[in-house]
Amino acid sequence: MLAKERSVDMYKLSAYLISRNTSNLPLEVILDVLFLVIVYFMAGTNKAFVAFSLTYLKAIFLSIIAAQPLEPSPAGNCLDVDIPPQ
């Protein structure tokens, strides 16, 4: 779909990526918070607020900011896959 919209110059690629990242960010944050709260307290780690908040900030940085550019990579590598007939 992106290739079709890019071929008729509907909008720039940067506008697409900014809007996609902005729209996906709330869902990713909510899912990461739920996962971290459950795993953090089930693991029996330090229950102090400061320790939890530092762990939370590290996890959010790693999962959302650092790993988000890696998300489309596997799909981008498989664009021209030829499946032989059986």
Protein backbone atom coordinates (compact mmCIF):
# COMPACT_ATOMS: atom_id res chain seq x y z
CA MET A 1 0.00 0.00 0.00
CA LEU A 2 2.85 2.35 0.80
CA ALA A 3 4.43 1.74 -2.61
CA LYS A 4 1.13 2.55 -4.36
CA GLU A 5 0.66 5.79 -2.44
CA ARG A 6 4.30 6.75 -3.00
CA SER A 7 4.01 6.13 -6.75
CA VAL A 8 1.29 8.78 -7.11
CA ASP A 9 3.13 11.17 -4.73
CA MET A 10 0.30 11.43 -2.21
CA TYR A 11 2.72 12.39 0.57
CA LYS A 12 6.37 12.15 1.52
CA LEU A 13 7.85 9.12 3.20
CA SER A 14 8.85 11.19 6.23
CA ALA A 15 5.22 12.24 6.76
CA TYR A 16 4.14 8.60 6.63
CA LEU A 17 6.78 7.47 9.13
CA ILE A 18 6.07 10.32 11.56
CA SER A 19 2.32 9.68 11.50
CA ARG A 20 2.81 5.91 11.85
CA ASN A 21 5.16 6.28 14.81
CA THR A 22 2.92 8.86 16.48
CA SER A 23 -0.18 6.73 16.13
CA ASN A 24 1.51 3.54 17.34
CA LEU A 25 3.28 5.10 20.32
CA PRO A 26 0.35 5.08 22.82
CA LEU A 27 -0.44 1.42 22.18
CA GLU A 28 3.19 0.42 22.50
CA VAL A 29 3.58 2.35 25.75
CA ILE A 30 0.45 0.79 27.27
CA LEU A 31 1.49 -2.74 26.34
CA ASP A 32 5.01 -2.21 27.64
CA VAL A 33 3.76 -0.78 30.93
CA LEU A 34 1.40 -3.71 31.51
CA PHE A 35 4.10 -6.23 30.70
CA LEU A 36 6.71 -4.54 32.86
CA VAL A 37 4.44 -4.17 35.90
CA ILE A 38 3.46 -7.84 35.79
CA VAL A 39 6.96 -9.20 35.19
CA TYR A 40 8.70 -6.80 37.59
CA PHE A 41 6.60 -7.75 40.61
CA MET A 42 6.40 -11.46 39.72
CA ALA A 43 10.20 -11.62 39.60
CA GLY A 44 10.39 -10.46 43.21
CA THR A 45 12.70 -7.52 42.52
CA ASN A 46 13.15 -4.42 44.67
CA LYS A 47 9.72 -2.92 45.34
CA ALA A 48 10.99 0.62 46.00
CA PHE A 49 9.46 3.24 43.73
CA VAL A 50 12.82 4.62 42.62
CA ALA A 51 14.10 1.19 41.55
CA PHE A 52 10.87 0.45 39.69
CA SER A 53 10.85 3.80 37.90
CA LEU A 54 14.47 3.45 36.78
CA THR A 55 13.77 -0.04 35.47
CA TYR A 56 10.65 1.27 33.75
CA LEU A 57 12.56 4.08 32.02
CA LYS A 58 15.25 1.67 30.83
CA ALA A 59 12.69 -0.79 29.50
CA ILE A 60 10.69 1.91 27.72
CA PHE A 61 13.84 3.27 26.12
CA LEU A 62 14.99 -0.14 24.95
CA SER A 63 11.67 -1.43 23.69
CA ILE A 64 10.17 1.67 22.09
CA ILE A 65 12.91 4.07 21.14
CA ALA A 66 15.80 1.73 20.35
CA ALA A 67 13.92 -1.26 18.90
CA GLN A 68 11.23 0.55 16.91
CA PRO A 69 13.40 1.07 13.80
CA LEU A 70 14.06 -2.68 13.73
CA GLU A 71 10.34 -3.48 13.48
CA PRO A 72 9.85 -3.17 9.68
CA SER A 73 13.22 -4.76 8.91
CA PRO A 74 12.09 -8.42 8.53
CA ALA A 75 9.16 -7.41 6.34
CA GLY A 76 11.37 -5.18 4.22
CA ASN A 77 13.79 -8.01 3.56
CA CYS A 78 11.05 -10.27 2.18
CA LEU A 79 9.52 -8.03 -0.48
CA ASP A 80 10.66 -10.03 -3.52
CA VAL A 81 10.26 -13.61 -2.40
CA ASP A 82 9.71 -16.05 -5.25
CA ILE A 83 7.72 -19.12 -4.26
CA PRO A 84 8.34 -22.00 -6.65
CA PRO A 85 5.27 -23.78 -8.04
CA GLN A 86 4.50 -27.16 -6.57
